[in-house]
Amino acid sequence: MTQKDITFVADFLTEHFNEAPELYNRKGKYFNVERVGQYLKDEDDDLVSPPNTEGNQWFNFLKDSTHLKESPLLFPYYPEKSLHFVKRQMEGIIDQCLQKPADAVGKSVHQAVCMSLYKISQSEDSTPQLFKLPFLWNDKTSNLHYVLFTMLENSISKIHILRRHTDTSRSVSNGILAVEFGNFLNNSINESSDSRCYSCLDAHFYDDETVTVVLKESVQQEGKERVLAQLPLS
């Protein structure tokens, strides 16, 4: 440590750890501990130096409001406790609030359909990430759910579109299909099929009838071309 560091620590101790006789009868430190650190201790003991709330506009406002004073919507204030204590209290209340909705939603969800997208070898140590870019869209006019995604490995030039009716008892035609970009941007049929191959970087629904995709050239070279394309679902 440098002399400057030692001086800084000495000044800190001098300022924050003066003897405080009025605290001698209290459990714990007999000093005026650093006022910020006491709020961060993960313990249930009361603060050694609680804040002075006199003149606080919010507390005065609550005190003068007969409706808000006893309102269950306001989180209770613990001026004698640390932030860790308050955090645990708040987490408990939030968990309690979310429990009933979680139970209700969980009981209402069921599997409507199961589709096998790919198979992997059982001997592989780690499962590769083959599923990418899942984007959800709900067409409220036609009551249809859409999922856009791409599959890596051998189909990077394709984007898959999964379509389901919001009424799980009804089916739709072409429930899942793939759109292949490949070399569709070639200017001439004489161009090599490998010269302008494209893969999908990202895809989102623009509206109920249009999909926006970002494509890039698949060739390994500097300055790969990027293409922003609008594709009609039809």
C-alpha atoms as a PDB file:
ATOM      1  CA  MET A   1       0.000   0.000   0.000  1.00  0.00           C
ATOM      2  CA  THR A   2       1.112   3.522  -0.700  1.00  0.00           C
ATOM      3  CA  GLN A   3       1.150   6.265   1.914  1.00  0.00           C
ATOM      4  CA  LYS A   4      -1.837   7.786   0.142  1.00  0.00           C
ATOM      5  CA  ASP A   5      -3.803   4.556   0.633  1.00  0.00           C
ATOM      6  CA  ILE A   6      -2.937   4.403   4.329  1.00  0.00           C
ATOM      7  CA  THR A   7      -3.956   8.027   4.794  1.00  0.00           C
ATOM      8  CA  PHE A   8      -7.266   7.365   3.038  1.00  0.00           C
ATOM      9  CA  VAL A   9      -8.056   4.384   5.308  1.00  0.00           C
ATOM     10  CA  ALA A  10      -7.013   6.316   8.420  1.00  0.00           C
ATOM     11  CA  ASP A  11      -9.291   9.213   7.467  1.00  0.00           C
ATOM     12  CA  PHE A  12     -12.145   6.785   6.847  1.00  0.00           C
ATOM     13  CA  LEU A  13     -11.709   5.155  10.280  1.00  0.00           C
ATOM     14  CA  THR A  14     -11.445   8.527  11.985  1.00  0.00           C
ATOM     15  CA  GLU A  15     -14.630   9.767  10.345  1.00  0.00           C
ATOM     16  CA  HIS A  16     -16.861   6.695  10.712  1.00  0.00           C
ATOM     17  CA  PHE A  17     -15.651   4.753  13.760  1.00  0.00           C
ATOM     18  CA  ASN A  18     -15.782   7.351  16.497  1.00  0.00           C
ATOM     19  CA  GLU A  19     -16.888   6.066  19.877  1.00  0.00           C
ATOM     20  CA  ALA A  20     -20.628   6.346  20.444  1.00  0.00           C
ATOM     21  CA  PRO A  21     -21.471   5.970  24.152  1.00  0.00           C
ATOM     22  CA  GLU A  22     -25.220   6.062  23.419  1.00  0.00           C
ATOM     23  CA  LEU A  23     -24.791   2.710  21.622  1.00  0.00           C
ATOM     24  CA  TYR A  24     -22.962   0.893  24.423  1.00  0.00           C
ATOM     25  CA  ASN A  25     -26.120  -0.793  25.674  1.00  0.00           C
ATOM     26  CA  ARG A  26     -27.051  -2.077  22.222  1.00  0.00           C
ATOM     27  CA  LYS A  27     -26.119  -5.428  20.817  1.00  0.00           C
ATOM     28  CA  GLY A  28     -23.254  -5.440  18.329  1.00  0.00           C
ATOM     29  CA  LYS A  29     -20.866  -2.642  17.390  1.00  0.00           C
ATOM     30  CA  TYR A  30     -20.042   0.110  19.828  1.00  0.00           C
ATOM     31  CA  PHE A  31     -19.142   2.460  17.021  1.00  0.00           C
ATOM     32  CA  ASN A  32     -20.900   4.626  14.475  1.00  0.00           C
ATOM     33  CA  VAL A  33     -20.363   2.230  11.561  1.00  0.00           C
ATOM     34  CA  GLU A  34     -20.195   3.408   7.985  1.00  0.00           C
ATOM     35  CA  ARG A  35     -23.751   4.377   7.105  1.00  0.00           C
ATOM     36  CA  VAL A  36     -23.896   2.794   3.642  1.00  0.00           C
ATOM     37  CA  GLY A  37     -22.360  -0.566   4.528  1.00  0.00           C
ATOM     38  CA  GLN A  38     -24.909  -1.282   7.254  1.00  0.00           C
ATOM     39  CA  TYR A  39     -27.694  -1.418   4.665  1.00  0.00           C
ATOM     40  CA  LEU A  40     -25.893  -4.132   2.683  1.00  0.00           C
ATOM     41  CA  LYS A  41     -25.330  -6.630   5.506  1.00  0.00           C
ATOM     42  CA  ASP A  42     -27.258  -9.851   5.009  1.00  0.00           C
ATOM     43  CA  GLU A  43     -28.640 -10.122   8.525  1.00  0.00           C
ATOM     44  CA  ASP A  44     -31.905  -9.528  10.351  1.00  0.00           C
ATOM     45  CA  ASP A  45     -30.505  -7.356  13.140  1.00  0.00           C
ATOM     46  CA  ASP A  46     -31.638  -3.758  13.358  1.00  0.00           C
ATOM     47  CA  LEU A  47     -29.469  -1.065  11.809  1.00  0.00           C
ATOM     48  CA  VAL A  48     -26.956   0.511  14.171  1.00  0.00           C
ATOM     49  CA  SER A  49     -27.555   3.944  12.665  1.00  0.00           C
ATOM     50  CA  PRO A  50     -31.083   4.006  11.236  1.00  0.00           C
ATOM     51  CA  PRO A  51     -31.924   6.871   8.854  1.00  0.00           C
ATOM     52  CA  ASN A  52     -33.634  10.012  10.023  1.00  0.00           C
ATOM     53  CA  THR A  53     -36.993  10.195   8.233  1.00  0.00           C
ATOM     54  CA  GLU A  54     -38.028  13.499   9.772  1.00  0.00           C
ATOM     55  CA  GLY A  55     -39.117  15.909   7.069  1.00  0.00           C
ATOM     56  CA  ASN A  56     -39.330  13.193   4.392  1.00  0.00           C
ATOM     57  CA  GLN A  57     -42.041  14.315   1.964  1.00  0.00           C
ATOM     58  CA  TRP A  58     -43.222  10.772   1.172  1.00  0.00           C
ATOM     59  CA  PHE A  59     -43.676   9.801   4.824  1.00  0.00           C
ATOM     60  CA  ASN A  60     -45.455  13.054   5.568  1.00  0.00           C
ATOM     61  CA  PHE A  61     -47.721  12.449   2.577  1.00  0.00           C
ATOM     62  CA  LEU A  62     -48.616   8.942   3.784  1.00  0.00           C
ATOM     63  CA  LYS A  63     -49.159  10.137   7.324  1.00  0.00           C
ATOM     64  CA  ASP A  64     -51.663  12.756   6.172  1.00  0.00           C
ATOM     65  CA  SER A  65     -53.507  10.398   3.802  1.00  0.00           C
ATOM     66  CA  THR A  66     -56.213   8.361   5.500  1.00  0.00           C
ATOM     67  CA  HIS A  67     -56.693   6.141   2.423  1.00  0.00           C
ATOM     68  CA  LEU A  68     -53.035   5.335   1.724  1.00  0.00           C
ATOM     69  CA  LYS A  69     -51.951   4.920   5.318  1.00  0.00           C
ATOM     70  CA  GLU A  70     -53.513   1.466   5.645  1.00  0.00           C
ATOM     71  CA  SER A  71     -53.459   0.528   1.954  1.00  0.00           C
ATOM     72  CA  PRO A  72     -52.431  -3.099   1.285  1.00  0.00           C
ATOM     73  CA  LEU A  73     -50.992  -1.993  -2.072  1.00  0.00           C
ATOM     74  CA  LEU A  74     -48.106  -0.139  -0.438  1.00  0.00           C
ATOM     75  CA  PHE A  75     -45.083  -2.194   0.534  1.00  0.00           C
ATOM     76  CA  PRO A  76     -44.405  -1.742   4.268  1.00  0.00           C
ATOM     77  CA  TYR A  77     -41.369   0.289   5.228  1.00  0.00           C
ATOM     78  CA  TYR A  78     -38.774  -1.059   7.679  1.00  0.00           C
ATOM     79  CA  PRO A  79     -36.569   1.891   8.696  1.00  0.00           C
ATOM     80  CA  GLU A  80     -34.622  -0.247  11.165  1.00  0.00           C
ATOM     81  CA  LYS A  81     -33.714  -3.040   8.687  1.00  0.00           C
ATOM     82  CA  SER A  82     -31.097  -3.547   5.990  1.00  0.00           C
ATOM     83  CA  LEU A  83     -31.814  -3.813   2.275  1.00  0.00           C
ATOM     84  CA  HIS A  84     -31.194  -7.574   2.392  1.00  0.00           C
ATOM     85  CA  PHE A  85     -34.002  -7.956   4.928  1.00  0.00           C
ATOM     86  CA  VAL A  86     -36.361  -5.857   2.809  1.00  0.00           C
ATOM     87  CA  LYS A  87     -35.373  -7.821  -0.304  1.00  0.00           C
ATOM     88  CA  ARG A  88     -36.270 -11.128   1.336  1.00  0.00           C
ATOM     89  CA  GLN A  89     -39.591  -9.714   2.510  1.00  0.00           C
ATOM     90  CA  MET A  90     -40.425  -8.458  -0.975  1.00  0.00           C
ATOM     91  CA  GLU A  91     -39.420 -11.745  -2.649  1.00  0.00           C
ATOM     92  CA  GLY A  92     -41.719 -13.633  -0.294  1.00  0.00           C
ATOM     93  CA  ILE A  93     -44.672 -11.385  -1.116  1.00  0.00           C
ATOM     94  CA  ILE A  94     -44.005 -11.568  -4.872  1.00  0.00           C
ATOM     95  CA  ASP A  95     -43.777 -15.375  -4.750  1.00  0.00           C
ATOM     96  CA  GLN A  96     -47.078 -15.454  -2.896  1.00  0.00           C
ATOM     97  CA  CYS A  97     -48.707 -13.196  -5.507  1.00  0.00           C
ATOM     98  CA  LEU A  98     -47.478 -15.312  -8.411  1.00  0.00           C
ATOM     99  CA  GLN A  99     -48.312 -18.717  -6.956  1.00  0.00           C
ATOM    100  CA  LYS A 100     -52.037 -18.782  -7.792  1.00  0.00           C
ATOM    101  CA  PRO A 101     -51.625 -17.495 -11.385  1.00  0.00           C
ATOM    102  CA  ALA A 102     -48.820 -20.029 -11.915  1.00  0.00           C
ATOM    103  CA  ASP A 103     -51.058 -22.867 -10.700  1.00  0.00           C
ATOM    104  CA  ALA A 104     -53.983 -21.710 -12.864  1.00  0.00           C
ATOM    105  CA  VAL A 105     -51.865 -21.284 -16.004  1.00  0.00           C
ATOM    106  CA  GLY A 106     -50.021 -24.536 -15.422  1.00  0.00           C
ATOM    107  CA  LYS A 107     -53.249 -26.528 -15.183  1.00  0.00           C
ATOM    108  CA  SER A 108     -54.651 -24.940 -18.360  1.00  0.00           C
ATOM    109  CA  VAL A 109     -51.627 -25.687 -20.582  1.00  0.00           C
ATOM    110  CA  HIS A 110     -51.559 -28.931 -22.524  1.00  0.00           C
ATOM    111  CA  GLN A 111     -49.731 -30.316 -25.530  1.00  0.00           C
ATOM    112  CA  ALA A 112     -51.644 -29.774 -28.766  1.00  0.00           C
ATOM    113  CA  VAL A 113     -49.232 -31.368 -31.241  1.00  0.00           C
ATOM    114  CA  CYS A 114     -45.795 -32.957 -31.335  1.00  0.00           C
ATOM    115  CA  MET A 115     -43.491 -32.661 -34.360  1.00  0.00           C
ATOM    116  CA  SER A 116     -40.076 -34.262 -34.735  1.00  0.00           C
ATOM    117  CA  LEU A 117     -37.706 -31.615 -36.134  1.00  0.00           C
ATOM    118  CA  TYR A 118     -34.431 -33.556 -36.088  1.00  0.00           C
ATOM    119  CA  LYS A 119     -32.706 -36.563 -34.565  1.00  0.00           C
ATOM    120  CA  ILE A 120     -29.278 -36.769 -32.992  1.00  0.00           C
ATOM    121  CA  SER A 121     -27.035 -39.674 -32.209  1.00  0.00           C
ATOM    122  CA  GLN A 122     -27.365 -41.067 -28.705  1.00  0.00           C
ATOM    123  CA  SER A 123     -23.592 -41.390 -28.497  1.00  0.00           C
ATOM    124  CA  GLU A 124     -22.958 -37.647 -28.649  1.00  0.00           C
ATOM    125  CA  ASP A 125     -21.698 -36.171 -25.401  1.00  0.00           C
ATOM    126  CA  SER A 126     -23.342 -32.783 -25.857  1.00  0.00           C
ATOM    127  CA  THR A 127     -26.469 -31.908 -27.777  1.00  0.00           C
ATOM    128  CA  PRO A 128     -25.670 -29.449 -30.604  1.00  0.00           C
ATOM    129  CA  GLN A 129     -27.713 -26.299 -31.004  1.00  0.00           C
ATOM    130  CA  LEU A 130     -29.703 -26.919 -34.174  1.00  0.00           C
ATOM    131  CA  PHE A 131     -32.727 -24.731 -33.442  1.00  0.00           C
ATOM    132  CA  LYS A 132     -32.240 -20.988 -33.965  1.00  0.00           C
ATOM    133  CA  LEU A 133     -34.125 -17.694 -34.245  1.00  0.00           C
ATOM    134  CA  PRO A 134     -37.511 -18.729 -32.841  1.00  0.00           C
ATOM    135  CA  PHE A 135     -39.868 -15.790 -33.412  1.00  0.00           C
ATOM    136  CA  LEU A 136     -43.556 -15.895 -32.482  1.00  0.00           C
ATOM    137  CA  TRP A 137     -46.404 -14.066 -34.192  1.00  0.00           C
ATOM    138  CA  ASN A 138     -50.143 -14.113 -33.581  1.00  0.00           C
ATOM    139  CA  ASP A 139     -52.475 -13.236 -36.464  1.00  0.00           C
ATOM    140  CA  LYS A 140     -55.592 -12.135 -34.588  1.00  0.00           C
ATOM    141  CA  THR A 141     -57.563 -11.623 -37.786  1.00  0.00           C
ATOM    142  CA  SER A 142     -57.215 -15.246 -38.905  1.00  0.00           C
ATOM    143  CA  ASN A 143     -56.734 -16.708 -35.417  1.00  0.00           C
ATOM    144  CA  LEU A 144     -53.390 -18.238 -36.347  1.00  0.00           C
ATOM    145  CA  HIS A 145     -50.145 -18.710 -34.417  1.00  0.00           C
ATOM    146  CA  TYR A 146     -46.859 -18.588 -36.347  1.00  0.00           C
ATOM    147  CA  VAL A 147     -43.355 -19.628 -35.330  1.00  0.00           C
ATOM    148  CA  LEU A 148     -40.372 -18.676 -37.498  1.00  0.00           C
ATOM    149  CA  PHE A 149     -37.108 -20.562 -36.975  1.00  0.00           C
ATOM    150  CA  THR A 150     -34.034 -21.832 -38.781  1.00  0.00           C
ATOM    151  CA  MET A 151     -32.211 -25.124 -38.476  1.00  0.00           C
ATOM    152  CA  LEU A 152     -28.431 -25.111 -38.495  1.00  0.00           C
ATOM    153  CA  GLU A 153     -26.121 -27.727 -39.938  1.00  0.00           C
ATOM    154  CA  ASN A 154     -27.380 -28.747 -43.414  1.00  0.00           C
ATOM    155  CA  SER A 155     -30.237 -26.277 -43.842  1.00  0.00           C
ATOM    156  CA  ILE A 156     -28.826 -22.831 -43.115  1.00  0.00           C
ATOM    157  CA  SER A 157     -30.320 -21.508 -46.355  1.00  0.00           C
ATOM    158  CA  LYS A 158     -33.863 -22.368 -45.234  1.00  0.00           C
ATOM    159  CA  ILE A 159     -36.313 -20.660 -42.939  1.00  0.00           C
ATOM    160  CA  HIS A 160     -39.081 -22.758 -41.417  1.00  0.00           C
ATOM    161  CA  ILE A 161     -42.606 -21.514 -40.781  1.00  0.00           C
ATOM    162  CA  LEU A 162     -44.848 -23.354 -38.341  1.00  0.00           C
ATOM    163  CA  ARG A 163     -48.524 -22.418 -38.406  1.00  0.00           C
ATOM    164  CA  ARG A 164     -51.211 -23.499 -35.950  1.00  0.00           C
ATOM    165  CA  HIS A 165     -54.789 -22.439 -35.331  1.00  0.00           C
ATOM    166  CA  THR A 166     -55.469 -20.796 -31.962  1.00  0.00           C
ATOM    167  CA  ASP A 167     -58.320 -23.291 -31.565  1.00  0.00           C
ATOM    168  CA  THR A 168     -56.292 -26.454 -30.919  1.00  0.00           C
ATOM    169  CA  SER A 169     -59.147 -28.622 -32.165  1.00  0.00           C
ATOM    170  CA  ARG A 170     -58.824 -27.168 -35.656  1.00  0.00           C
ATOM    171  CA  SER A 171     -56.016 -27.792 -38.137  1.00  0.00           C
ATOM    172  CA  VAL A 172     -54.622 -25.661 -40.954  1.00  0.00           C
ATOM    173  CA  SER A 173     -53.140 -26.601 -44.303  1.00  0.00           C
ATOM    174  CA  ASN A 174     -49.348 -26.586 -44.618  1.00  0.00           C
ATOM    175  CA  GLY A 175     -48.901 -26.669 -40.842  1.00  0.00           C
ATOM    176  CA  ILE A 176     -45.137 -26.471 -41.306  1.00  0.00           C
ATOM    177  CA  LEU A 177     -43.096 -25.617 -44.393  1.00  0.00           C
ATOM    178  CA  ALA A 178     -39.602 -24.441 -45.309  1.00  0.00           C
ATOM    179  CA  VAL A 179     -38.582 -21.601 -47.627  1.00  0.00           C
ATOM    180  CA  GLU A 180     -35.168 -22.038 -49.233  1.00  0.00           C
ATOM    181  CA  PHE A 181     -33.291 -18.931 -50.369  1.00  0.00           C
ATOM    182  CA  GLY A 182     -30.225 -20.553 -51.897  1.00  0.00           C
ATOM    183  CA  ASN A 183     -29.233 -18.676 -55.064  1.00  0.00           C
ATOM    184  CA  PHE A 184     -32.605 -17.082 -55.841  1.00  0.00           C
ATOM    185  CA  LEU A 185     -30.959 -13.652 -56.182  1.00  0.00           C
ATOM    186  CA  ASN A 186     -28.762 -14.667 -59.094  1.00  0.00           C
ATOM    187  CA  ASN A 187     -29.090 -12.280 -62.000  1.00  0.00           C
ATOM    188  CA  SER A 188     -28.916 -15.024 -64.606  1.00  0.00           C
ATOM    189  CA  ILE A 189     -29.570 -18.735 -64.840  1.00  0.00           C
ATOM    190  CA  ASN A 190     -26.078 -18.979 -66.268  1.00  0.00           C
ATOM    191  CA  GLU A 191     -24.484 -18.024 -62.949  1.00  0.00           C
ATOM    192  CA  SER A 192     -22.968 -20.808 -60.921  1.00  0.00           C
ATOM    193  CA  SER A 193     -25.292 -22.172 -58.256  1.00  0.00           C
ATOM    194  CA  ASP A 194     -22.505 -21.746 -55.704  1.00  0.00           C
ATOM    195  CA  SER A 195     -21.679 -18.173 -56.596  1.00  0.00           C
ATOM    196  CA  ARG A 196     -24.522 -16.420 -54.759  1.00  0.00           C
ATOM    197  CA  CYS A 197     -25.870 -18.682 -52.018  1.00  0.00           C
ATOM    198  CA  TYR A 198     -27.574 -16.993 -49.089  1.00  0.00           C
ATOM    199  CA  SER A 199     -28.310 -18.009 -45.532  1.00  0.00           C
ATOM    200  CA  CYS A 200     -30.728 -16.417 -43.059  1.00  0.00           C
ATOM    201  CA  LEU A 201     -29.304 -14.199 -40.301  1.00  0.00           C
ATOM    202  CA  ASP A 202     -32.630 -13.154 -38.794  1.00  0.00           C
ATOM    203  CA  ALA A 203     -36.345 -13.250 -39.543  1.00  0.00           C
ATOM    204  CA  HIS A 204     -39.393 -11.507 -38.070  1.00  0.00           C
ATOM    205  CA  PHE A 205     -42.967 -10.937 -39.068  1.00  0.00           C
ATOM    206  CA  TYR A 206     -43.469  -7.433 -40.479  1.00  0.00           C
ATOM    207  CA  ASP A 207     -47.267  -7.759 -40.376  1.00  0.00           C
ATOM    208  CA  ASP A 208     -49.877 -10.498 -40.742  1.00  0.00           C
ATOM    209  CA  GLU A 209     -49.025 -11.004 -44.411  1.00  0.00           C
ATOM    210  CA  THR A 210     -45.307 -10.230 -44.671  1.00  0.00           C
ATOM    211  CA  VAL A 211     -42.085 -11.692 -43.288  1.00  0.00           C
ATOM    212  CA  THR A 212     -38.860  -9.661 -43.115  1.00  0.00           C
ATOM    213  CA  VAL A 213     -35.590 -11.583 -43.412  1.00  0.00           C
ATOM    214  CA  VAL A 214     -31.933 -10.581 -43.255  1.00  0.00           C
ATOM    215  CA  LEU A 215     -29.766 -12.682 -45.572  1.00  0.00           C
ATOM    216  CA  LYS A 216     -26.021 -12.951 -46.027  1.00  0.00           C
ATOM    217  CA  GLU A 217     -23.862 -14.530 -48.658  1.00  0.00           C
ATOM    218  CA  SER A 218     -22.563 -17.933 -47.619  1.00  0.00           C
ATOM    219  CA  VAL A 219     -19.228 -17.649 -49.427  1.00  0.00           C
ATOM    220  CA  GLN A 220     -16.158 -17.262 -47.202  1.00  0.00           C
ATOM    221  CA  GLN A 221     -14.860 -13.866 -48.243  1.00  0.00           C
ATOM    222  CA  GLU A 222     -14.552 -10.321 -47.003  1.00  0.00           C
ATOM    223  CA  GLY A 223     -17.413  -7.922 -47.595  1.00  0.00           C
ATOM    224  CA  LYS A 224     -20.196 -10.505 -47.640  1.00  0.00           C
ATOM    225  CA  GLU A 225     -23.333  -9.058 -49.135  1.00  0.00           C
ATOM    226  CA  ARG A 226     -26.291  -8.465 -46.829  1.00  0.00           C
ATOM    227  CA  VAL A 227     -29.837  -8.418 -48.158  1.00  0.00           C
ATOM    228  CA  LEU A 228     -33.007  -7.194 -46.417  1.00  0.00           C
ATOM    229  CA  ALA A 229     -35.981  -8.928 -48.056  1.00  0.00           C
ATOM    230  CA  GLN A 230     -39.736  -8.654 -47.566  1.00  0.00           C
ATOM    231  CA  LEU A 231     -41.487 -11.955 -48.340  1.00  0.00           C
ATOM    232  CA  PRO A 232     -45.274 -12.278 -48.677  1.00  0.00           C
ATOM    233  CA  LEU A 233     -46.681 -15.256 -46.809  1.00  0.00           C
ATOM    234  CA  SER A 234     -48.778 -16.130 -49.846  1.00  0.00           C
END
